[in-house]
Amino acid sequence: MKIAFVGKGGSGKTTLSSLFIRHLAAEGAPVVAVDADINQHLGAALGLDEAEAAALPAMGEHLRLIKDHLRGSNPRIASADTMIKTTPPGEGSRLLRVQEDNPVYDACARPVELDGGTIRLMVTGPFTDADLGVACYHSKTGAVELCLNHLVDGPGEYVVVDMTAGSDSFASGMFTRFDMTFLVAEPTRKGVSVYRQYKEYARDFGVALRVVGNKVQGPDDLDFLRAEVGDDLLVTVGHSDWVRAMEKGRPPRFAALEESNRLALRTLREAADATYERRDWERYTRQMVHFHLKNAQSWGNERTGADLAAQVDPGFVLGESVTAGA
């Protein structure tokens, strides 16, 4: 299952995404975690120290390798130079699987040992001084979107992406790449304003969106969220001594997490798993092509000097039964 955590800055989405990843690992589930937030805090939230987090390879620095691998023998893609972040797979493309070894994982993923299991962690890389004035952060997340376009995952497998804050996720089609999107919202007007914006933007794309109330301290907070987000409110999370210790760099064993928060994480997994039966690979592929054609016309054709619409394989539908190309 492909799962995104979104929310305004400071809402606690990185903390909650890291708790969810720990929960999956503790239950033995295979997990690929991706930090696509401009602030790049997921590694630290998963227990890496500053030096370990800084040493994680940035996906953007290996974009050529990613493109070369995914292109495979697809005859519609003349070279990696003509691939952009939205390029869809077709006959001959190589696909990514959660439980496999491949050159993309070798270059961009690093194992992180958590209580009960090991996950793969990938990061977009931080926004650097060299990027100032010449690049937007979405140029960093292009590698993530390209990988998601070529990723096939099955039941019981998880790709968890900590997305950039606010509504910046809508600067590309990546918001449609997920089976479930968890929007983390505090019980404040600003907290629910991001929810309303996300809900409006995602309305026409069939995005499965549920709200996780965070920093909920009592009945008034709960009533506020229920009134503002209605049935989209899935679960709430309150104060956690375990999280406070984790943020100080001294996390206890994950089994010591408060029972109420463990139940909340279980609810998140059940909600994500329930979307599997509603998967629509044809719609998923159609949306992929939709955003690719928009990007091609807007800037891609001019930048690459190629007609990127020709990359679309009209008979190809991504799905679990598709075999990767050579």
C-alpha atoms as a PDB file:
ATOM      1  CA  MET A   1       0.000   0.000   0.000  1.00  0.00           C
ATOM      2  CA  LYS A   2       1.233   3.498  -0.850  1.00  0.00           C
ATOM      3  CA  ILE A   3       0.551   5.918   2.000  1.00  0.00           C
ATOM      4  CA  ALA A   4       1.192   9.664   2.302  1.00  0.00           C
ATOM      5  CA  PHE A   5       1.326  11.798   5.426  1.00  0.00           C
ATOM      6  CA  VAL A   6       0.507  15.465   4.795  1.00  0.00           C
ATOM      7  CA  GLY A   7      -0.359  18.501   6.905  1.00  0.00           C
ATOM      8  CA  LYS A   8       0.745  22.018   7.698  1.00  0.00           C
ATOM      9  CA  GLY A   9       4.202  22.671   9.061  1.00  0.00           C
ATOM     10  CA  GLY A  10       4.404  21.843  12.754  1.00  0.00           C
ATOM     11  CA  SER A  11       1.314  19.635  12.726  1.00  0.00           C
ATOM     12  CA  GLY A  12       3.317  16.571  13.718  1.00  0.00           C
ATOM     13  CA  LYS A  13       3.051  14.713  10.401  1.00  0.00           C
ATOM     14  CA  THR A  14       6.692  13.594  10.462  1.00  0.00           C
ATOM     15  CA  THR A  15       6.353  12.326  14.025  1.00  0.00           C
ATOM     16  CA  LEU A  16       3.176  10.433  13.158  1.00  0.00           C
ATOM     17  CA  SER A  17       4.592   9.016   9.937  1.00  0.00           C
ATOM     18  CA  SER A  18       7.639   7.773  11.865  1.00  0.00           C
ATOM     19  CA  LEU A  19       5.401   6.175  14.509  1.00  0.00           C
ATOM     20  CA  PHE A  20       3.390   4.469  11.773  1.00  0.00           C
ATOM     21  CA  ILE A  21       6.586   3.176  10.150  1.00  0.00           C
ATOM     22  CA  ARG A  22       7.759   1.840  13.524  1.00  0.00           C
ATOM     23  CA  HIS A  23       4.372   0.189  14.032  1.00  0.00           C
ATOM     24  CA  LEU A  24       4.581  -1.566  10.646  1.00  0.00           C
ATOM     25  CA  ALA A  25       8.158  -2.682  11.284  1.00  0.00           C
ATOM     26  CA  ALA A  26       7.240  -4.025  14.728  1.00  0.00           C
ATOM     27  CA  GLU A  27       4.578  -6.181  13.083  1.00  0.00           C
ATOM     28  CA  GLY A  28       7.048  -7.531  10.536  1.00  0.00           C
ATOM     29  CA  ALA A  29       5.691  -5.709   7.483  1.00  0.00           C
ATOM     30  CA  PRO A  30       8.068  -4.796   4.623  1.00  0.00           C
ATOM     31  CA  VAL A  31       8.386  -1.016   4.437  1.00  0.00           C
ATOM     32  CA  VAL A  32      10.006   1.513   2.128  1.00  0.00           C
ATOM     33  CA  ALA A  33       9.961   4.932   3.822  1.00  0.00           C
ATOM     34  CA  VAL A  34      10.534   8.115   1.818  1.00  0.00           C
ATOM     35  CA  ASP A  35      11.283  11.564   3.213  1.00  0.00           C
ATOM     36  CA  ALA A  36       9.896  13.990   0.638  1.00  0.00           C
ATOM     37  CA  ASP A  37       9.611  16.932   3.031  1.00  0.00           C
ATOM     38  CA  ILE A  38      11.809  19.965   2.476  1.00  0.00           C
ATOM     39  CA  ASN A  39      12.900  19.840   6.136  1.00  0.00           C
ATOM     40  CA  GLN A  40      14.189  16.227   5.977  1.00  0.00           C
ATOM     41  CA  HIS A  41      13.427  15.183   9.571  1.00  0.00           C
ATOM     42  CA  LEU A  42      12.180  11.638   9.006  1.00  0.00           C
ATOM     43  CA  GLY A  43      15.592  10.034   9.504  1.00  0.00           C
ATOM     44  CA  ALA A  44      15.995  11.675  12.905  1.00  0.00           C
ATOM     45  CA  ALA A  45      12.441  10.694  13.859  1.00  0.00           C
ATOM     46  CA  LEU A  46      13.382   7.089  13.054  1.00  0.00           C
ATOM     47  CA  GLY A  47      16.337   7.276  15.417  1.00  0.00           C
ATOM     48  CA  LEU A  48      19.265   8.271  13.198  1.00  0.00           C
ATOM     49  CA  ASP A  49      21.753  10.671  14.687  1.00  0.00           C
ATOM     50  CA  GLU A  50      22.720  13.866  12.891  1.00  0.00           C
ATOM     51  CA  ALA A  51      25.720  12.355  11.108  1.00  0.00           C
ATOM     52  CA  GLU A  52      23.789   9.264   9.992  1.00  0.00           C
ATOM     53  CA  ALA A  53      20.923  11.368   8.661  1.00  0.00           C
ATOM     54  CA  ALA A  54      23.308  13.674   6.797  1.00  0.00           C
ATOM     55  CA  ALA A  55      25.019  10.680   5.173  1.00  0.00           C
ATOM     56  CA  LEU A  56      21.815   9.383   3.567  1.00  0.00           C
ATOM     57  CA  PRO A  57      22.131   9.506  -0.241  1.00  0.00           C
ATOM     58  CA  ALA A  58      19.855  12.049  -1.926  1.00  0.00           C
ATOM     59  CA  MET A  59      17.612  10.568  -4.606  1.00  0.00           C
ATOM     60  CA  GLY A  60      18.029  13.665  -6.759  1.00  0.00           C
ATOM     61  CA  GLU A  61      21.765  13.062  -6.966  1.00  0.00           C
ATOM     62  CA  HIS A  62      21.081   9.658  -8.527  1.00  0.00           C
ATOM     63  CA  LEU A  63      18.380  10.782 -10.928  1.00  0.00           C
ATOM     64  CA  ARG A  64      20.327   9.640 -14.006  1.00  0.00           C
ATOM     65  CA  LEU A  65      20.739   6.153 -12.567  1.00  0.00           C
ATOM     66  CA  ILE A  66      17.036   6.032 -11.650  1.00  0.00           C
ATOM     67  CA  LYS A  67      16.016   7.027 -15.167  1.00  0.00           C
ATOM     68  CA  ASP A  68      18.409   4.601 -16.843  1.00  0.00           C
ATOM     69  CA  HIS A  69      17.109   1.738 -14.742  1.00  0.00           C
ATOM     70  CA  LEU A  70      13.398   2.509 -15.111  1.00  0.00           C
ATOM     71  CA  ARG A  71      13.609   3.144 -18.860  1.00  0.00           C
ATOM     72  CA  GLY A  72      14.639  -0.460 -19.433  1.00  0.00           C
ATOM     73  CA  SER A  73      13.980  -1.411 -23.051  1.00  0.00           C
ATOM     74  CA  ASN A  74      10.900   0.793 -23.487  1.00  0.00           C
ATOM     75  CA  PRO A  75      11.072   1.738 -27.193  1.00  0.00           C
ATOM     76  CA  ARG A  76       8.976   4.886 -26.630  1.00  0.00           C
ATOM     77  CA  ILE A  77      11.709   6.486 -24.524  1.00  0.00           C
ATOM     78  CA  ALA A  78      14.714   7.300 -26.691  1.00  0.00           C
ATOM     79  CA  SER A  79      17.048   8.127 -23.803  1.00  0.00           C
ATOM     80  CA  ALA A  80      17.093   8.962 -20.121  1.00  0.00           C
ATOM     81  CA  ASP A  81      17.534  12.614 -21.130  1.00  0.00           C
ATOM     82  CA  THR A  82      13.931  12.688 -22.360  1.00  0.00           C
ATOM     83  CA  MET A  83      12.469  11.328 -19.124  1.00  0.00           C
ATOM     84  CA  ILE A  84      10.822  13.804 -16.763  1.00  0.00           C
ATOM     85  CA  LYS A  85       9.287  13.331 -13.324  1.00  0.00           C
ATOM     86  CA  THR A  86       5.908  12.308 -14.782  1.00  0.00           C
ATOM     87  CA  THR A  87       7.135   9.879 -17.455  1.00  0.00           C
ATOM     88  CA  PRO A  88       4.848   6.840 -17.257  1.00  0.00           C
ATOM     89  CA  PRO A  89       5.961   3.240 -17.665  1.00  0.00           C
ATOM     90  CA  GLY A  90       5.152   1.232 -20.766  1.00  0.00           C
ATOM     91  CA  GLU A  91       6.015  -2.048 -22.399  1.00  0.00           C
ATOM     92  CA  GLY A  92       9.687  -2.722 -21.670  1.00  0.00           C
ATOM     93  CA  SER A  93       9.975  -0.380 -18.676  1.00  0.00           C
ATOM     94  CA  ARG A  94      11.518  -1.709 -15.507  1.00  0.00           C
ATOM     95  CA  LEU A  95       9.255  -1.611 -12.469  1.00  0.00           C
ATOM     96  CA  LEU A  96      10.094  -1.348  -8.783  1.00  0.00           C
ATOM     97  CA  ARG A  97       8.866  -3.765  -6.141  1.00  0.00           C
ATOM     98  CA  VAL A  98       8.913  -3.238  -2.390  1.00  0.00           C
ATOM     99  CA  GLN A  99      10.628  -6.547  -1.650  1.00  0.00           C
ATOM    100  CA  GLU A 100      13.471  -6.771  -4.113  1.00  0.00           C
ATOM    101  CA  ASP A 101      17.035  -5.700  -4.625  1.00  0.00           C
ATOM    102  CA  ASN A 102      17.689  -3.355  -7.529  1.00  0.00           C
ATOM    103  CA  PRO A 103      20.133  -0.607  -8.548  1.00  0.00           C
ATOM    104  CA  VAL A 104      17.757   2.144  -7.394  1.00  0.00           C
ATOM    105  CA  TYR A 105      17.598   0.794  -3.850  1.00  0.00           C
ATOM    106  CA  ASP A 106      21.329   0.077  -3.894  1.00  0.00           C
ATOM    107  CA  ALA A 107      22.065   3.719  -4.698  1.00  0.00           C
ATOM    108  CA  CYS A 108      19.298   5.549  -2.840  1.00  0.00           C
ATOM    109  CA  ALA A 109      17.986   3.412   0.030  1.00  0.00           C
ATOM    110  CA  ARG A 110      19.609   2.610   3.339  1.00  0.00           C
ATOM    111  CA  PRO A 111      18.460   0.060   5.927  1.00  0.00           C
ATOM    112  CA  VAL A 112      17.274   1.414   9.260  1.00  0.00           C
ATOM    113  CA  GLU A 113      16.868  -1.036  12.112  1.00  0.00           C
ATOM    114  CA  LEU A 114      13.828  -0.443  14.299  1.00  0.00           C
ATOM    115  CA  ASP A 115      12.272  -2.439  17.114  1.00  0.00           C
ATOM    116  CA  GLY A 116      11.079  -5.624  15.511  1.00  0.00           C
ATOM    117  CA  GLY A 117      12.415  -5.164  12.002  1.00  0.00           C
ATOM    118  CA  THR A 118      14.380  -3.274   9.384  1.00  0.00           C
ATOM    119  CA  ILE A 119      12.969  -0.801   6.877  1.00  0.00           C
ATOM    120  CA  ARG A 120      14.409   0.874   3.794  1.00  0.00           C
ATOM    121  CA  LEU A 121      14.722   4.665   4.028  1.00  0.00           C
ATOM    122  CA  MET A 122      15.032   6.949   1.007  1.00  0.00           C
ATOM    123  CA  VAL A 123      15.331  10.745   1.081  1.00  0.00           C
ATOM    124  CA  THR A 124      15.000  13.472  -1.517  1.00  0.00           C
ATOM    125  CA  GLY A 125      17.860  15.401   0.056  1.00  0.00           C
ATOM    126  CA  PRO A 126      17.803  18.869   1.638  1.00  0.00           C
ATOM    127  CA  PHE A 127      17.373  22.188  -0.111  1.00  0.00           C
ATOM    128  CA  THR A 128      20.951  23.463  -0.381  1.00  0.00           C
ATOM    129  CA  ASP A 129      22.610  26.855  -0.812  1.00  0.00           C
ATOM    130  CA  ALA A 130      23.309  25.914  -4.429  1.00  0.00           C
ATOM    131  CA  ASP A 131      19.557  25.661  -5.044  1.00  0.00           C
ATOM    132  CA  LEU A 132      18.761  29.144  -3.787  1.00  0.00           C
ATOM    133  CA  GLY A 133      17.409  31.371  -6.534  1.00  0.00           C
ATOM    134  CA  VAL A 134      17.720  28.716  -9.248  1.00  0.00           C
ATOM    135  CA  ALA A 135      15.486  25.779  -8.272  1.00  0.00           C
ATOM    136  CA  CYS A 136      12.237  24.990  -6.521  1.00  0.00           C
ATOM    137  CA  TYR A 137      11.904  22.161  -4.044  1.00  0.00           C
ATOM    138  CA  HIS A 138       9.673  20.224  -6.416  1.00  0.00           C
ATOM    139  CA  SER A 139      12.739  19.559  -8.555  1.00  0.00           C
ATOM    140  CA  LYS A 140      13.914  17.459  -5.581  1.00  0.00           C
ATOM    141  CA  THR A 141      10.725  15.412  -5.354  1.00  0.00           C
ATOM    142  CA  GLY A 142      10.716  14.577  -9.071  1.00  0.00           C
ATOM    143  CA  ALA A 143      12.761  11.428  -8.395  1.00  0.00           C
ATOM    144  CA  VAL A 144      10.147  10.279  -5.873  1.00  0.00           C
ATOM    145  CA  GLU A 145       7.302  10.809  -8.333  1.00  0.00           C
ATOM    146  CA  LEU A 146       9.151   8.936 -11.076  1.00  0.00           C
ATOM    147  CA  CYS A 147       9.741   5.988  -8.757  1.00  0.00           C
ATOM    148  CA  LEU A 148       6.114   5.946  -7.604  1.00  0.00           C
ATOM    149  CA  ASN A 149       4.993   5.899 -11.244  1.00  0.00           C
ATOM    150  CA  HIS A 150       7.002   2.719 -11.748  1.00  0.00           C
ATOM    151  CA  LEU A 151       6.228   1.071  -8.402  1.00  0.00           C
ATOM    152  CA  VAL A 152       4.063  -2.026  -8.051  1.00  0.00           C
ATOM    153  CA  ASP A 153       3.164  -3.012  -4.507  1.00  0.00           C
ATOM    154  CA  GLY A 154       0.908  -5.695  -3.140  1.00  0.00           C
ATOM    155  CA  PRO A 155      -1.124  -6.317   0.028  1.00  0.00           C
ATOM    156  CA  GLY A 156       0.903  -6.274   3.206  1.00  0.00           C
ATOM    157  CA  GLU A 157       3.660  -4.179   1.576  1.00  0.00           C
ATOM    158  CA  TYR A 158       4.004  -0.520   2.456  1.00  0.00           C
ATOM    159  CA  VAL A 159       5.524   2.586   0.931  1.00  0.00           C
ATOM    160  CA  VAL A 160       5.165   5.468   3.400  1.00  0.00           C
ATOM    161  CA  VAL A 161       5.965   8.989   2.190  1.00  0.00           C
ATOM    162  CA  ASP A 162       6.373  11.975   4.495  1.00  0.00           C
ATOM    163  CA  MET A 163       5.249  14.730   2.114  1.00  0.00           C
ATOM    164  CA  THR A 164       6.175  18.400   2.045  1.00  0.00           C
ATOM    165  CA  ALA A 165       4.025  20.622   4.246  1.00  0.00           C
ATOM    166  CA  GLY A 166       0.804  22.391   3.323  1.00  0.00           C
ATOM    167  CA  SER A 167      -0.666  22.364  -0.162  1.00  0.00           C
ATOM    168  CA  ASP A 168       2.714  22.284  -1.943  1.00  0.00           C
ATOM    169  CA  SER A 169       2.001  18.627  -2.757  1.00  0.00           C
ATOM    170  CA  PHE A 170      -0.307  19.837  -5.521  1.00  0.00           C
ATOM    171  CA  ALA A 171       2.531  21.338  -7.546  1.00  0.00           C
ATOM    172  CA  SER A 172       2.755  17.937  -9.249  1.00  0.00           C
ATOM    173  CA  GLY A 173       0.573  14.891  -9.733  1.00  0.00           C
ATOM    174  CA  MET A 174       2.241  13.046  -6.869  1.00  0.00           C
ATOM    175  CA  PHE A 175      -0.811  13.550  -4.639  1.00  0.00           C
ATOM    176  CA  THR A 176      -2.667  10.968  -6.787  1.00  0.00           C
ATOM    177  CA  ARG A 177      -0.017   8.275  -6.323  1.00  0.00           C
ATOM    178  CA  PHE A 178      -1.301   6.971  -2.983  1.00  0.00           C
ATOM    179  CA  ASP A 179      -3.867   4.427  -1.828  1.00  0.00           C
ATOM    180  CA  MET A 180      -4.406   6.454   1.344  1.00  0.00           C
ATOM    181  CA  THR A 181      -3.507   9.985   2.379  1.00  0.00           C
ATOM    182  CA  PHE A 182      -3.445  10.764   6.090  1.00  0.00           C
ATOM    183  CA  LEU A 183      -3.779  14.480   6.755  1.00  0.00           C
ATOM    184  CA  VAL A 184      -2.468  15.386  10.203  1.00  0.00           C
ATOM    185  CA  ALA A 185      -4.407  18.309  11.657  1.00  0.00           C
ATOM    186  CA  GLU A 186      -4.210  20.131  14.956  1.00  0.00           C
ATOM    187  CA  PRO A 187      -7.500  21.302  16.506  1.00  0.00           C
ATOM    188  CA  THR A 188      -7.016  24.891  15.327  1.00  0.00           C
ATOM    189  CA  ARG A 189      -8.365  27.034  12.499  1.00  0.00           C
ATOM    190  CA  LYS A 190      -5.012  26.884  10.713  1.00  0.00           C
ATOM    191  CA  GLY A 191      -4.864  23.145  11.234  1.00  0.00           C
ATOM    192  CA  VAL A 192      -8.161  22.482   9.489  1.00  0.00           C
ATOM    193  CA  SER A 193      -7.610  25.103   6.765  1.00  0.00           C
ATOM    194  CA  VAL A 194      -5.017  22.831   5.132  1.00  0.00           C
ATOM    195  CA  TYR A 195      -7.564  20.011   5.275  1.00  0.00           C
ATOM    196  CA  ARG A 196     -10.180  22.098   3.462  1.00  0.00           C
ATOM    197  CA  GLN A 197      -7.672  23.119   0.801  1.00  0.00           C
ATOM    198  CA  TYR A 198      -6.442  19.556   0.312  1.00  0.00           C
ATOM    199  CA  LYS A 199      -9.976  18.219   0.156  1.00  0.00           C
ATOM    200  CA  GLU A 200     -10.934  20.764  -2.493  1.00  0.00           C
ATOM    201  CA  TYR A 201      -7.898  20.174  -4.690  1.00  0.00           C
ATOM    202  CA  ALA A 202      -8.179  16.380  -4.459  1.00  0.00           C
ATOM    203  CA  ARG A 203     -11.956  16.251  -4.974  1.00  0.00           C
ATOM    204  CA  ASP A 204     -11.914  15.344  -8.677  1.00  0.00           C
ATOM    205  CA  PHE A 205      -9.179  12.704  -8.450  1.00  0.00           C
ATOM    206  CA  GLY A 206     -10.685  10.076  -6.147  1.00  0.00           C
ATOM    207  CA  VAL A 207      -8.049  10.632  -3.447  1.00  0.00           C
ATOM    208  CA  ALA A 208      -8.742   8.608  -0.298  1.00  0.00           C
ATOM    209  CA  LEU A 209      -8.268  11.173   2.467  1.00  0.00           C
ATOM    210  CA  ARG A 210      -8.609  10.676   6.220  1.00  0.00           C
ATOM    211  CA  VAL A 211      -7.775  13.114   8.994  1.00  0.00           C
ATOM    212  CA  VAL A 212      -5.604  12.265  11.986  1.00  0.00           C
ATOM    213  CA  GLY A 213      -6.206  14.731  14.812  1.00  0.00           C
ATOM    214  CA  ASN A 214      -2.961  15.485  16.617  1.00  0.00           C
ATOM    215  CA  LYS A 215      -2.238  17.277  19.901  1.00  0.00           C
ATOM    216  CA  VAL A 216      -5.825  16.686  20.999  1.00  0.00           C
ATOM    217  CA  GLN A 217      -6.045  17.521  24.707  1.00  0.00           C
ATOM    218  CA  GLY A 218      -9.681  17.103  25.604  1.00  0.00           C
ATOM    219  CA  PRO A 219     -13.358  16.939  24.578  1.00  0.00           C
ATOM    220  CA  ASP A 220     -13.367  20.513  23.280  1.00  0.00           C
ATOM    221  CA  ASP A 221     -10.537  19.745  20.844  1.00  0.00           C
ATOM    222  CA  LEU A 222     -12.280  16.577  19.707  1.00  0.00           C
ATOM    223  CA  ASP A 223     -15.617  18.359  19.221  1.00  0.00           C
ATOM    224  CA  PHE A 224     -13.868  21.073  17.192  1.00  0.00           C
ATOM    225  CA  LEU A 225     -12.309  18.576  14.816  1.00  0.00           C
ATOM    226  CA  ARG A 226     -15.525  16.614  14.422  1.00  0.00           C
ATOM    227  CA  ALA A 227     -17.385  19.802  13.563  1.00  0.00           C
ATOM    228  CA  GLU A 228     -14.760  20.929  11.037  1.00  0.00           C
ATOM    229  CA  VAL A 229     -13.870  17.699   9.192  1.00  0.00           C
ATOM    230  CA  GLY A 230     -16.883  15.473   9.835  1.00  0.00           C
ATOM    231  CA  ASP A 231     -16.631  11.833   8.846  1.00  0.00           C
ATOM    232  CA  ASP A 232     -13.133  12.315   7.455  1.00  0.00           C
ATOM    233  CA  LEU A 233     -11.818  12.315  11.040  1.00  0.00           C
ATOM    234  CA  LEU A 234     -10.385   8.826  11.506  1.00  0.00           C
ATOM    235  CA  VAL A 235      -8.603   8.942  14.848  1.00  0.00           C
ATOM    236  CA  THR A 236      -6.978  11.359  17.293  1.00  0.00           C
ATOM    237  CA  VAL A 237      -3.641  11.329  19.085  1.00  0.00           C
ATOM    238  CA  GLY A 238      -2.865  13.128  22.319  1.00  0.00           C
ATOM    239  CA  HIS A 239       0.194  13.714  24.491  1.00  0.00           C
ATOM    240  CA  SER A 240       2.831  10.995  24.451  1.00  0.00           C
ATOM    241  CA  ASP A 241       5.658  10.607  26.941  1.00  0.00           C
ATOM    242  CA  TRP A 242       7.201   8.111  24.499  1.00  0.00           C
ATOM    243  CA  VAL A 243       7.284  10.732  21.733  1.00  0.00           C
ATOM    244  CA  ARG A 244       8.751  13.319  24.117  1.00  0.00           C
ATOM    245  CA  ALA A 245      11.563  10.905  24.996  1.00  0.00           C
ATOM    246  CA  MET A 246      12.089  10.133  21.287  1.00  0.00           C
ATOM    247  CA  GLU A 247      12.383  13.823  20.483  1.00  0.00           C
ATOM    248  CA  LYS A 248      15.095  14.094  23.136  1.00  0.00           C
ATOM    249  CA  GLY A 249      16.992  11.275  21.410  1.00  0.00           C
ATOM    250  CA  ARG A 250      16.246   8.739  24.126  1.00  0.00           C
ATOM    251  CA  PRO A 251      13.343   6.633  22.840  1.00  0.00           C
ATOM    252  CA  PRO A 252      12.391   3.624  24.947  1.00  0.00           C
ATOM    253  CA  ARG A 253      11.437   0.336  23.346  1.00  0.00           C
ATOM    254  CA  PHE A 254       8.553   0.836  20.935  1.00  0.00           C
ATOM    255  CA  ALA A 255       6.509  -1.680  22.934  1.00  0.00           C
ATOM    256  CA  ALA A 256       6.366   0.977  25.672  1.00  0.00           C
ATOM    257  CA  LEU A 257       4.315   3.350  23.482  1.00  0.00           C
ATOM    258  CA  GLU A 258       1.048   4.227  25.197  1.00  0.00           C
ATOM    259  CA  GLU A 259      -1.750   1.764  24.481  1.00  0.00           C
ATOM    260  CA  SER A 260      -4.079   4.503  23.226  1.00  0.00           C
ATOM    261  CA  ASN A 261      -1.511   5.547  20.632  1.00  0.00           C
ATOM    262  CA  ARG A 262      -0.821   1.943  19.662  1.00  0.00           C
ATOM    263  CA  LEU A 263      -4.542   1.533  19.010  1.00  0.00           C
ATOM    264  CA  ALA A 264      -4.498   4.707  16.910  1.00  0.00           C
ATOM    265  CA  LEU A 265      -1.653   3.340  14.760  1.00  0.00           C
ATOM    266  CA  ARG A 266      -3.520   0.071  14.339  1.00  0.00           C
ATOM    267  CA  THR A 267      -6.525   2.043  13.129  1.00  0.00           C
ATOM    268  CA  LEU A 268      -4.357   3.803  10.543  1.00  0.00           C
ATOM    269  CA  ARG A 269      -3.097   0.488   9.200  1.00  0.00           C
ATOM    270  CA  GLU A 270      -6.596  -0.978   9.029  1.00  0.00           C
ATOM    271  CA  ALA A 271      -7.830   2.071   7.121  1.00  0.00           C
ATOM    272  CA  ALA A 272      -4.928   1.838   4.669  1.00  0.00           C
ATOM    273  CA  ASP A 273      -5.358  -1.915   4.190  1.00  0.00           C
ATOM    274  CA  ALA A 274      -9.073  -1.471   3.496  1.00  0.00           C
ATOM    275  CA  THR A 275      -8.290   0.551   0.374  1.00  0.00           C
ATOM    276  CA  TYR A 276      -6.669  -2.457  -1.308  1.00  0.00           C
ATOM    277  CA  GLU A 277      -9.975  -3.907  -2.440  1.00  0.00           C
ATOM    278  CA  ARG A 278     -10.856  -0.565  -4.051  1.00  0.00           C
ATOM    279  CA  ARG A 279      -7.685  -0.276  -6.102  1.00  0.00           C
ATOM    280  CA  ASP A 280      -8.270   0.864  -9.661  1.00  0.00           C
ATOM    281  CA  TRP A 281      -5.075   0.425 -11.663  1.00  0.00           C
ATOM    282  CA  GLU A 282      -6.705   1.752 -14.817  1.00  0.00           C
ATOM    283  CA  ARG A 283      -7.597   5.040 -13.106  1.00  0.00           C
ATOM    284  CA  TYR A 284      -4.152   5.159 -11.511  1.00  0.00           C
ATOM    285  CA  THR A 285      -2.511   4.806 -14.925  1.00  0.00           C
ATOM    286  CA  ARG A 286      -4.938   7.264 -16.523  1.00  0.00           C
ATOM    287  CA  GLN A 287      -4.138   9.929 -13.921  1.00  0.00           C
ATOM    288  CA  MET A 288      -0.435   9.304 -14.437  1.00  0.00           C
ATOM    289  CA  VAL A 289      -0.826   9.950 -18.162  1.00  0.00           C
ATOM    290  CA  HIS A 290      -3.018  13.014 -17.504  1.00  0.00           C
ATOM    291  CA  PHE A 291      -0.333  14.754 -15.473  1.00  0.00           C
ATOM    292  CA  HIS A 292       2.417  13.662 -17.840  1.00  0.00           C
ATOM    293  CA  LEU A 293       0.667  15.286 -20.803  1.00  0.00           C
ATOM    294  CA  LYS A 294       0.085  18.472 -18.790  1.00  0.00           C
ATOM    295  CA  ASN A 295       3.747  18.684 -17.809  1.00  0.00           C
ATOM    296  CA  ALA A 296       4.885  17.840 -21.333  1.00  0.00           C
ATOM    297  CA  GLN A 297       2.867  20.679 -22.832  1.00  0.00           C
ATOM    298  CA  SER A 298       3.697  23.141 -20.060  1.00  0.00           C
ATOM    299  CA  TRP A 299       7.483  22.742 -19.967  1.00  0.00           C
ATOM    300  CA  GLY A 300       8.686  19.207 -20.714  1.00  0.00           C
ATOM    301  CA  ASN A 301       8.652  19.286 -24.510  1.00  0.00           C
ATOM    302  CA  GLU A 302      10.584  22.535 -24.609  1.00  0.00           C
ATOM    303  CA  ARG A 303      13.130  21.435 -22.026  1.00  0.00           C
ATOM    304  CA  THR A 304      13.864  18.033 -23.575  1.00  0.00           C
ATOM    305  CA  GLY A 305      13.383  18.952 -27.242  1.00  0.00           C
ATOM    306  CA  ALA A 306      11.134  15.913 -27.674  1.00  0.00           C
ATOM    307  CA  ASP A 307       7.438  15.205 -28.046  1.00  0.00           C
ATOM    308  CA  LEU A 308       6.849  13.621 -24.647  1.00  0.00           C
ATOM    309  CA  ALA A 309       3.276  12.674 -25.485  1.00  0.00           C
ATOM    310  CA  ALA A 310       4.840   9.942 -27.636  1.00  0.00           C
ATOM    311  CA  GLN A 311       6.119   8.296 -24.431  1.00  0.00           C
ATOM    312  CA  VAL A 312       2.578   7.233 -23.515  1.00  0.00           C
ATOM    313  CA  ASP A 313       1.903   3.569 -24.267  1.00  0.00           C
ATOM    314  CA  PRO A 314      -1.874   3.535 -24.902  1.00  0.00           C
ATOM    315  CA  GLY A 315      -2.225  -0.188 -24.249  1.00  0.00           C
ATOM    316  CA  PHE A 316      -0.278  -0.275 -20.994  1.00  0.00           C
ATOM    317  CA  VAL A 317      -1.952  -0.464 -17.584  1.00  0.00           C
ATOM    318  CA  LEU A 318       0.230  -0.685 -14.485  1.00  0.00           C
ATOM    319  CA  GLY A 319      -0.707  -3.471 -12.111  1.00  0.00           C
ATOM    320  CA  GLU A 320       0.526  -6.302  -9.931  1.00  0.00           C
ATOM    321  CA  SER A 321       0.462  -8.779 -12.815  1.00  0.00           C
ATOM    322  CA  VAL A 322       2.678  -6.653 -15.078  1.00  0.00           C
ATOM    323  CA  THR A 323       6.134  -8.060 -15.677  1.00  0.00           C
ATOM    324  CA  ALA A 324       9.101  -5.714 -15.514  1.00  0.00           C
ATOM    325  CA  GLY A 325      11.015  -5.078 -18.706  1.00  0.00           C
ATOM    326  CA  ALA A 326      14.566  -6.100 -19.441  1.00  0.00           C
END
